[in-house]
Amino acid sequence: STSLDYSSFTKEQQTMDNLEKQLICPICLEMFSKPVVILPCQHNLCRKCASDIFQASNSYLPTRGGTTVAAGGRFRCPSCRHEVILDRHGVYGLQRNLLVENIIDIYKQESTRPERKTEQPMCEEHEDEKINIYCLNCEVPTCSMCKVFGVHKDCEVAPLSQVFQGQKSELSEGIAVLVGSNDRIQAIINQLEETCKAVEESCRRQKENLCEKFDYLYAILEERRGEMTQMITREQEEKLEHVRTLIRKHGDHLETMSKLVESGIQSMEEPEMALFLQNAKALLQKITDASKVLQMDKVEPGYENMDNFIVNLSREERIIREIDFYREDEEYEEGAEGEESEDVHTESSGEEDGPDRKS
């Protein structure tokens, strides 16, 4: 029994030593002191040790109170020599490893906690007997009387201390495995975070590209609208100039006719017949000449309409509404259609050349 207790104790001690090795800083060679930071390579350092390495690797940067005040910089991980690039926050921009910090707290509490002397529990069946053995079949602690006379008389039992040390060692090993797997989990988290950043950056570039394409279409539409508007304006100016020319022409003719009417009225009021006859012949000739040009130019009905500039954008609207993102299968289909059209063209050309060769 003594040898079993000693071996169990030795195994537990080895497990605790292995756990402690996982919690040793590679710089100060002591247990990590909070805050603990995790590097991009998934190795851990005390923040103070990381700051010391950073200052030693960037000695040219200004310091204040022993702390580097400049933003950015780089140093190498002491465990794997991976280069660590810091942002403007310096070592304070490194992510804290809260899981390791919590495990350190638990480890220190367990290491420094004095053994508490508690009363050993008594058996419920045999009130005067202490629980001192462990039933391996039923997996419950029990007393010697239960093994001899009680429900566990046909079961296999083991010393309580042996089972205690075994399960405690198993628990310690489980904790050590969790600490070891923390690096892998953190690596996955970092990879997923990088994937999120890559997705955001890719979406930003694609949105910019899409906006540039649509801005280009807007520019083409604006240019075409300006050109077509100028066409309508030129047609408007030509028609207005023609109408205004007719207005001036008819206005001049109207003024001439009004003067002839006024002259005719004055001649009609002349009382002297001889004087009237002297002027009447010339006046009648002018009235006759003016009457011959009464059929003057005028615009045709509907001249003011601009129906020849009606635009039907139904086809263009349908094309614009069908704008979609490019797909690789479309390129394959277009290429296949192009090859088929070339084959058809080649065959038709061969058929056309056939009679010529025969002739």
Protein backbone atom coordinates (compact mmCIF):
# COMPACT_ATOMS: atom_id res chain seq x y z
CA SER A 1 0.00 0.00 0.00
CA THR A 2 2.86 2.37 0.78
CA SER A 3 4.51 1.69 -2.57
CA LEU A 4 1.21 2.27 -4.38
CA ASP A 5 0.71 5.58 -2.59
CA TYR A 6 4.26 6.63 -3.40
CA SER A 7 3.95 5.75 -7.09
CA SER A 8 0.62 7.58 -7.34
CA PHE A 9 2.13 10.61 -5.66
CA THR A 10 5.12 10.49 -8.02
CA LYS A 11 2.85 10.31 -11.07
CA GLU A 12 0.76 13.23 -9.84
CA GLN A 13 3.91 15.23 -9.20
CA GLN A 14 5.15 14.52 -12.71
CA THR A 15 1.82 15.65 -14.15
CA MET A 16 1.94 18.87 -12.15
CA ASP A 17 5.52 19.42 -13.28
CA ASN A 18 4.49 18.97 -16.91
CA LEU A 19 1.68 21.45 -16.41
CA GLU A 20 4.07 23.92 -14.82
CA LYS A 21 6.44 23.61 -17.80
CA GLN A 22 3.60 24.71 -20.07
CA LEU A 23 3.24 27.85 -17.96
CA ILE A 24 6.92 28.93 -18.01
CA CYS A 25 7.87 32.10 -19.91
CA PRO A 26 10.78 31.41 -22.33
CA ILE A 27 12.35 34.80 -21.47
CA CYS A 28 12.32 35.12 -17.68
CA LEU A 29 12.12 31.30 -17.24
CA GLU A 30 9.52 31.82 -14.56
CA MET A 31 5.82 31.25 -14.48
CA PHE A 32 3.98 33.71 -16.68
CA SER A 33 3.16 36.99 -14.95
CA LYS A 34 -0.04 38.70 -15.97
CA PRO A 35 -0.88 40.08 -18.38
CA VAL A 36 0.08 37.21 -20.70
CA VAL A 37 0.10 38.02 -24.44
CA ILE A 38 -0.15 35.55 -27.30
CA LEU A 39 1.97 36.15 -30.41
CA PRO A 40 0.76 35.54 -34.00
CA CYS A 41 2.82 32.32 -33.96
CA GLN A 42 0.67 31.13 -30.98
CA HIS A 43 3.49 31.27 -28.41
CA ASN A 44 2.92 33.10 -25.12
CA LEU A 45 5.01 35.72 -23.33
CA CYS A 46 4.70 37.96 -20.31
CA ARG A 47 3.82 41.41 -21.60
CA LYS A 48 6.80 42.82 -19.72
CA CYS A 49 9.14 40.29 -21.33
CA ALA A 50 7.64 41.04 -24.75
CA SER A 51 8.26 44.74 -24.11
CA ASP A 52 11.88 44.01 -23.12
CA ILE A 53 12.49 42.04 -26.32
CA PHE A 54 10.83 44.75 -28.38
CA GLN A 55 13.00 47.48 -26.87
CA ALA A 56 16.15 45.40 -27.34
CA SER A 57 15.27 44.76 -31.00
CA ASN A 58 14.34 48.41 -31.62
CA SER A 59 16.91 50.25 -29.55
CA TYR A 60 16.92 53.16 -32.00
CA LEU A 61 13.34 54.09 -31.05
CA PRO A 62 12.84 56.80 -28.39
CA THR A 63 11.82 55.68 -24.89
CA ARG A 64 10.18 57.35 -21.92
CA GLY A 65 10.49 55.86 -18.45
CA GLY A 66 11.99 52.67 -19.88
CA THR A 67 9.08 52.17 -22.27
CA THR A 68 9.27 52.62 -26.02
CA VAL A 69 6.95 55.45 -27.05
CA ALA A 70 7.23 55.12 -30.84
CA ALA A 71 4.44 53.27 -32.69
CA GLY A 72 5.08 50.10 -34.67
CA GLY A 73 8.16 47.97 -34.80
CA ARG A 74 9.05 44.29 -34.94
CA PHE A 75 10.89 41.53 -33.07
CA ARG A 76 11.31 37.77 -33.29
CA CYS A 77 9.57 35.16 -31.16
CA PRO A 78 12.15 33.63 -28.78
CA SER A 79 10.60 30.16 -29.21
CA CYS A 80 10.31 29.80 -33.01
CA ARG A 81 12.08 32.94 -34.35
CA HIS A 82 8.93 33.96 -36.18
CA GLU A 83 8.95 37.69 -36.93
CA VAL A 84 6.28 39.60 -35.01
CA ILE A 85 5.17 42.91 -36.55
CA LEU A 86 3.50 45.33 -34.15
CA ASP A 87 0.98 48.02 -35.01
CA ARG A 88 0.83 51.54 -33.61
CA HIS A 89 -0.17 50.18 -30.17
CA GLY A 90 3.12 48.30 -29.80
CA VAL A 91 3.11 45.33 -27.39
CA TYR A 92 -0.17 46.64 -25.96
CA GLY A 93 -1.78 45.74 -29.26
CA LEU A 94 -1.02 42.03 -28.74
CA GLN A 95 -3.98 39.92 -27.68
CA ARG A 96 -4.10 38.71 -24.08
CA ASN A 97 -4.36 34.97 -23.47
CA LEU A 98 -7.05 34.95 -20.80
CA LEU A 99 -7.25 31.13 -20.72
CA VAL A 100 -3.58 30.83 -19.74
CA GLU A 101 -4.02 33.57 -17.12
CA ASN A 102 -6.97 31.73 -15.58
CA ILE A 103 -5.06 28.44 -15.54
CA ILE A 104 -2.13 30.18 -13.82
CA ASP A 105 -4.47 31.52 -11.14
CA ILE A 106 -5.95 28.08 -10.55
CA TYR A 107 -2.50 26.45 -10.52
CA LYS A 108 -1.18 28.96 -7.97
CA GLN A 109 -4.23 28.52 -5.79
CA GLU A 110 -3.84 24.75 -5.83
CA SER A 111 -0.07 24.97 -5.20
CA THR A 112 -0.28 27.39 -2.29
CA ARG A 113 -3.48 26.13 -0.69
CA PRO A 114 -2.69 24.30 2.58
CA GLU A 115 -4.09 20.85 3.03
CA ARG A 116 -7.34 21.10 4.83
CA LYS A 117 -7.99 18.58 7.50
CA THR A 118 -11.52 17.49 7.06
CA GLU A 119 -13.42 14.82 8.85
CA GLN A 120 -13.42 11.58 6.94
CA PRO A 121 -16.97 10.67 5.82
CA MET A 122 -18.64 7.68 7.48
CA CYS A 123 -20.46 4.82 5.80
CA GLU A 124 -24.24 5.17 5.66
CA GLU A 125 -24.79 1.43 6.17
CA HIS A 126 -22.25 1.07 8.96
CA GLU A 127 -22.26 4.31 10.88
CA ASP A 128 -19.18 3.47 12.93
CA GLU A 129 -17.05 2.63 9.88
CA LYS A 130 -15.07 5.20 7.88
CA ILE A 131 -15.08 5.14 4.10
CA ASN A 132 -11.63 3.79 3.31
CA ILE A 133 -11.87 1.70 0.12
CA TYR A 134 -13.21 2.14 -3.41
CA CYS A 135 -15.46 -0.33 -5.19
CA LEU A 136 -14.11 -0.69 -8.74
CA ASN A 137 -17.26 -2.44 -10.01
CA CYS A 138 -19.80 0.05 -8.66
CA GLU A 139 -17.34 3.00 -8.90
CA VAL A 140 -18.28 4.35 -5.47
CA PRO A 141 -16.27 4.78 -2.24
CA THR A 142 -17.32 2.44 0.60
CA CYS A 143 -16.10 0.90 3.87
CA SER A 144 -14.42 -2.40 4.73
CA MET A 145 -17.58 -3.80 6.35
CA CYS A 146 -19.51 -3.35 3.09
CA LYS A 147 -16.80 -5.38 1.37
CA VAL A 148 -16.88 -8.15 3.95
CA PHE A 149 -20.58 -8.38 4.79
CA GLY A 150 -22.40 -5.78 2.69
CA VAL A 151 -23.48 -5.13 -0.88
CA HIS A 152 -19.91 -5.00 -2.16
CA LYS A 153 -18.76 -8.40 -0.86
CA ASP A 154 -18.54 -9.83 -4.39
CA CYS A 155 -16.98 -6.70 -5.91
CA GLU A 156 -13.35 -5.83 -6.59
CA VAL A 157 -12.04 -3.02 -4.41
CA ALA A 158 -8.90 -0.86 -4.21
CA PRO A 159 -7.36 1.46 -1.62
CA LEU A 160 -9.06 4.84 -1.57
CA SER A 161 -5.73 6.68 -1.87
CA GLN A 162 -4.79 4.76 -5.00
CA VAL A 163 -8.01 5.63 -6.84
CA PHE A 164 -7.81 9.19 -5.52
CA GLN A 165 -4.31 9.73 -6.87
CA GLY A 166 -5.16 8.06 -10.17
CA GLN A 167 -8.21 10.20 -10.88
CA LYS A 168 -6.44 13.35 -9.71
CA SER A 169 -3.54 12.58 -12.05
CA GLU A 170 -6.02 11.98 -14.88
CA LEU A 171 -7.63 15.36 -14.18
CA SER A 172 -4.22 17.08 -14.15
CA GLU A 173 -3.34 15.47 -17.47
CA GLY A 174 -6.65 16.67 -18.88
CA ILE A 175 -5.84 20.23 -17.82
CA ALA A 176 -2.40 19.94 -19.42
CA VAL A 177 -4.03 18.74 -22.65
CA LEU A 178 -6.37 21.74 -22.57
CA VAL A 179 -3.41 24.09 -22.14
CA GLY A 180 -1.62 22.41 -25.06
CA SER A 181 -4.70 22.56 -27.29
CA ASN A 182 -5.18 26.24 -26.49
CA ASP A 183 -2.52 27.17 -29.04
CA ARG A 184 -4.29 25.24 -31.77
CA ILE A 185 -7.65 26.75 -30.89
CA GLN A 186 -6.14 30.23 -30.81
CA ALA A 187 -4.53 29.57 -34.21
CA ILE A 188 -7.93 28.64 -35.64
CA ILE A 189 -9.47 31.79 -34.13
CA ASN A 190 -6.72 33.94 -35.62
CA GLN A 191 -7.16 32.24 -38.98
CA LEU A 192 -10.91 32.87 -38.88
CA GLU A 193 -10.32 36.51 -37.94
CA GLU A 194 -7.92 36.86 -40.87
CA THR A 195 -10.57 35.26 -43.09
CA CYS A 196 -13.10 37.85 -41.91
CA LYS A 197 -10.66 40.64 -42.75
CA ALA A 198 -9.95 39.09 -46.15
CA VAL A 199 -13.69 38.80 -46.88
CA GLU A 200 -14.25 42.45 -45.90
CA GLU A 201 -11.30 43.61 -48.02
CA SER A 202 -12.42 41.53 -51.00
CA CYS A 203 -15.98 42.89 -50.72
CA ARG A 204 -14.64 46.45 -50.51
CA ARG A 205 -12.59 45.99 -53.69
CA GLN A 206 -15.51 44.41 -55.55
CA LYS A 207 -17.85 47.23 -54.49
CA GLU A 208 -15.34 49.81 -55.71
CA ASN A 209 -15.00 47.96 -59.01
CA LEU A 210 -18.78 47.73 -59.37
CA CYS A 211 -19.20 51.45 -58.67
CA GLU A 212 -16.53 52.26 -61.25
CA LYS A 213 -18.36 50.18 -63.87
CA PHE A 214 -21.67 51.89 -63.17
CA ASP A 215 -20.03 55.33 -63.10
CA TYR A 216 -18.64 54.53 -66.54
CA LEU A 217 -22.15 53.65 -67.77
CA TYR A 218 -23.49 56.88 -66.23
CA ALA A 219 -20.82 58.85 -68.09
CA ILE A 220 -21.76 57.19 -71.40
CA LEU A 221 -25.46 57.94 -70.81
CA GLU A 222 -24.70 61.56 -69.91
CA GLU A 223 -22.58 61.97 -73.02
CA ARG A 224 -25.20 60.41 -75.25
CA ARG A 225 -27.97 62.49 -73.68
CA GLY A 226 -25.97 65.64 -74.35
CA GLU A 227 -25.45 64.67 -77.99
CA MET A 228 -29.14 63.89 -78.58
CA THR A 229 -30.20 67.06 -76.76
CA GLN A 230 -27.96 69.06 -79.11
CA MET A 231 -29.64 67.39 -82.10
CA ILE A 232 -33.05 68.52 -80.86
CA THR A 233 -31.70 72.02 -80.16
CA ARG A 234 -30.30 72.32 -83.71
CA GLU A 235 -33.63 71.23 -85.20
CA GLN A 236 -35.41 73.74 -82.96
CA GLU A 237 -33.14 76.58 -84.05
CA GLU A 238 -33.59 75.73 -87.76
CA LYS A 239 -37.39 75.67 -87.49
CA LEU A 240 -37.55 78.84 -85.44
CA GLU A 241 -35.27 80.64 -87.89
CA HIS A 242 -37.50 79.60 -90.81
CA VAL A 243 -40.69 80.73 -89.02
CA ARG A 244 -39.14 84.05 -87.97
CA THR A 245 -38.03 84.66 -91.56
CA LEU A 246 -41.62 84.13 -92.73
CA ILE A 247 -42.86 86.47 -89.99
CA ARG A 248 -40.51 89.21 -91.18
CA LYS A 249 -41.44 88.62 -94.80
CA HIS A 250 -45.19 88.74 -94.10
CA GLY A 251 -44.68 91.76 -91.87
CA ASP A 252 -42.97 93.66 -94.67
CA HIS A 253 -45.74 92.72 -97.12
CA LEU A 254 -48.41 93.74 -94.61
CA GLU A 255 -46.75 97.11 -94.15
CA THR A 256 -46.65 97.64 -97.93
CA MET A 257 -50.32 96.74 -98.30
CA SER A 258 -51.29 99.09 -95.48
CA LYS A 259 -49.51 101.97 -97.19
CA LEU A 260 -51.32 101.19 -100.47
CA VAL A 261 -54.67 101.15 -98.66
CA GLU A 262 -53.87 104.49 -97.06
CA SER A 263 -52.84 105.95 -100.43
CA GLY A 264 -56.01 104.61 -102.06
CA ILE A 265 -58.20 106.18 -99.37
CA GLN A 266 -56.47 109.54 -99.85
CA SER A 267 -56.97 109.33 -103.65
CA MET A 268 -60.65 108.53 -103.16
CA GLU A 269 -61.01 111.75 -101.19
CA GLU A 270 -59.50 113.87 -104.02
CA PRO A 271 -62.33 116.17 -105.34
CA GLU A 272 -60.53 117.23 -108.51
CA MET A 273 -61.13 114.66 -111.25
CA ALA A 274 -58.09 115.62 -113.27
CA LEU A 275 -55.80 115.37 -110.31
CA PHE A 276 -57.42 112.06 -109.28
CA LEU A 277 -56.90 110.57 -112.73
CA GLN A 278 -53.26 111.60 -112.80
CA ASN A 279 -52.52 109.44 -109.73
CA ALA A 280 -55.12 106.70 -110.10
CA LYS A 281 -53.39 104.72 -112.88
CA ALA A 282 -50.11 104.29 -111.00
CA LEU A 283 -51.96 103.45 -107.77
CA LEU A 284 -54.09 100.81 -109.51
CA GLN A 285 -50.95 99.22 -110.93
CA LYS A 286 -49.39 98.97 -107.49
CA ILE A 287 -52.57 97.43 -106.08
CA THR A 288 -52.64 94.91 -108.92
CA ASP A 289 -48.99 93.92 -108.37
CA ALA A 290 -49.55 93.58 -104.63
CA SER A 291 -52.59 91.35 -105.18
CA LYS A 292 -50.55 88.91 -107.30
CA VAL A 293 -48.34 87.93 -104.33
CA LEU A 294 -51.14 87.26 -101.87
CA GLN A 295 -50.26 83.52 -101.98
CA MET A 296 -47.24 83.79 -99.67
CA ASP A 297 -45.19 81.02 -98.08
CA LYS A 298 -46.52 79.42 -94.89
CA VAL A 299 -45.66 76.44 -92.68
CA GLU A 300 -47.34 73.11 -93.19
CA PRO A 301 -49.70 71.68 -90.54
CA GLY A 302 -47.76 69.81 -87.87
CA TYR A 303 -44.59 71.76 -88.63
CA GLU A 304 -44.20 72.43 -84.90
CA ASN A 305 -44.15 68.72 -84.01
CA MET A 306 -40.84 67.09 -83.07
CA ASP A 307 -42.07 63.51 -83.25
CA ASN A 308 -39.02 62.49 -85.25
CA PHE A 309 -37.02 62.70 -82.00
CA ILE A 310 -39.05 60.13 -80.08
CA VAL A 311 -36.76 57.66 -78.27
CA ASN A 312 -37.72 54.08 -77.44
CA LEU A 313 -35.45 52.74 -74.69
CA SER A 314 -37.37 49.52 -74.03
CA ARG A 315 -34.59 47.32 -75.39
CA GLU A 316 -31.90 49.25 -73.51
CA GLU A 317 -33.97 49.18 -70.33
CA ARG A 318 -34.33 45.41 -70.61
CA ILE A 319 -30.58 45.03 -71.13
CA ILE A 320 -29.80 47.25 -68.13
CA ARG A 321 -32.20 45.34 -65.90
CA GLU A 322 -30.50 42.09 -66.95
CA ILE A 323 -27.09 43.32 -65.78
CA ASP A 324 -25.69 40.72 -63.41
CA PHE A 325 -22.37 39.49 -62.06
CA TYR A 326 -20.11 37.62 -64.42
CA ARG A 327 -20.00 33.84 -64.09
CA GLU A 328 -17.32 31.49 -65.36
CA ASP A 329 -19.88 29.18 -66.96
CA GLU A 330 -20.97 32.09 -69.16
CA GLU A 331 -17.43 32.36 -70.53
CA TYR A 332 -17.49 28.62 -71.29
CA GLU A 333 -20.88 28.89 -73.03
CA GLU A 334 -19.78 31.92 -75.04
CA GLY A 335 -16.59 30.13 -76.08
CA ALA A 336 -18.56 27.05 -77.13
CA GLU A 337 -21.01 29.16 -79.13
CA GLY A 338 -18.10 30.94 -80.83
CA GLU A 339 -16.49 27.64 -81.81
CA GLU A 340 -19.79 26.32 -83.16
CA SER A 341 -20.33 29.46 -85.24
CA GLU A 342 -16.81 29.15 -86.64
CA ASP A 343 -17.42 25.49 -87.52
CA VAL A 344 -20.67 26.39 -89.27
CA HIS A 345 -18.97 29.20 -91.15
CA THR A 346 -16.16 26.88 -92.23
CA GLU A 347 -18.59 24.21 -93.43
CA SER A 348 -20.66 26.74 -95.35
CA SER A 349 -17.51 28.16 -96.93
CA GLY A 350 -16.49 24.66 -98.01
CA GLU A 351 -19.86 24.08 -99.63
CA GLU A 352 -19.65 27.35 -101.49
CA ASP A 353 -16.13 26.62 -102.74
CA GLY A 354 -17.14 23.15 -103.98
CA PRO A 355 -18.87 24.17 -107.25
CA ASP A 356 -16.07 26.59 -108.08
CA ARG A 357 -13.53 23.86 -107.85
CA LYS A 358 -15.68 21.60 -110.00
CA SER A 359 -16.05 24.23 -112.62
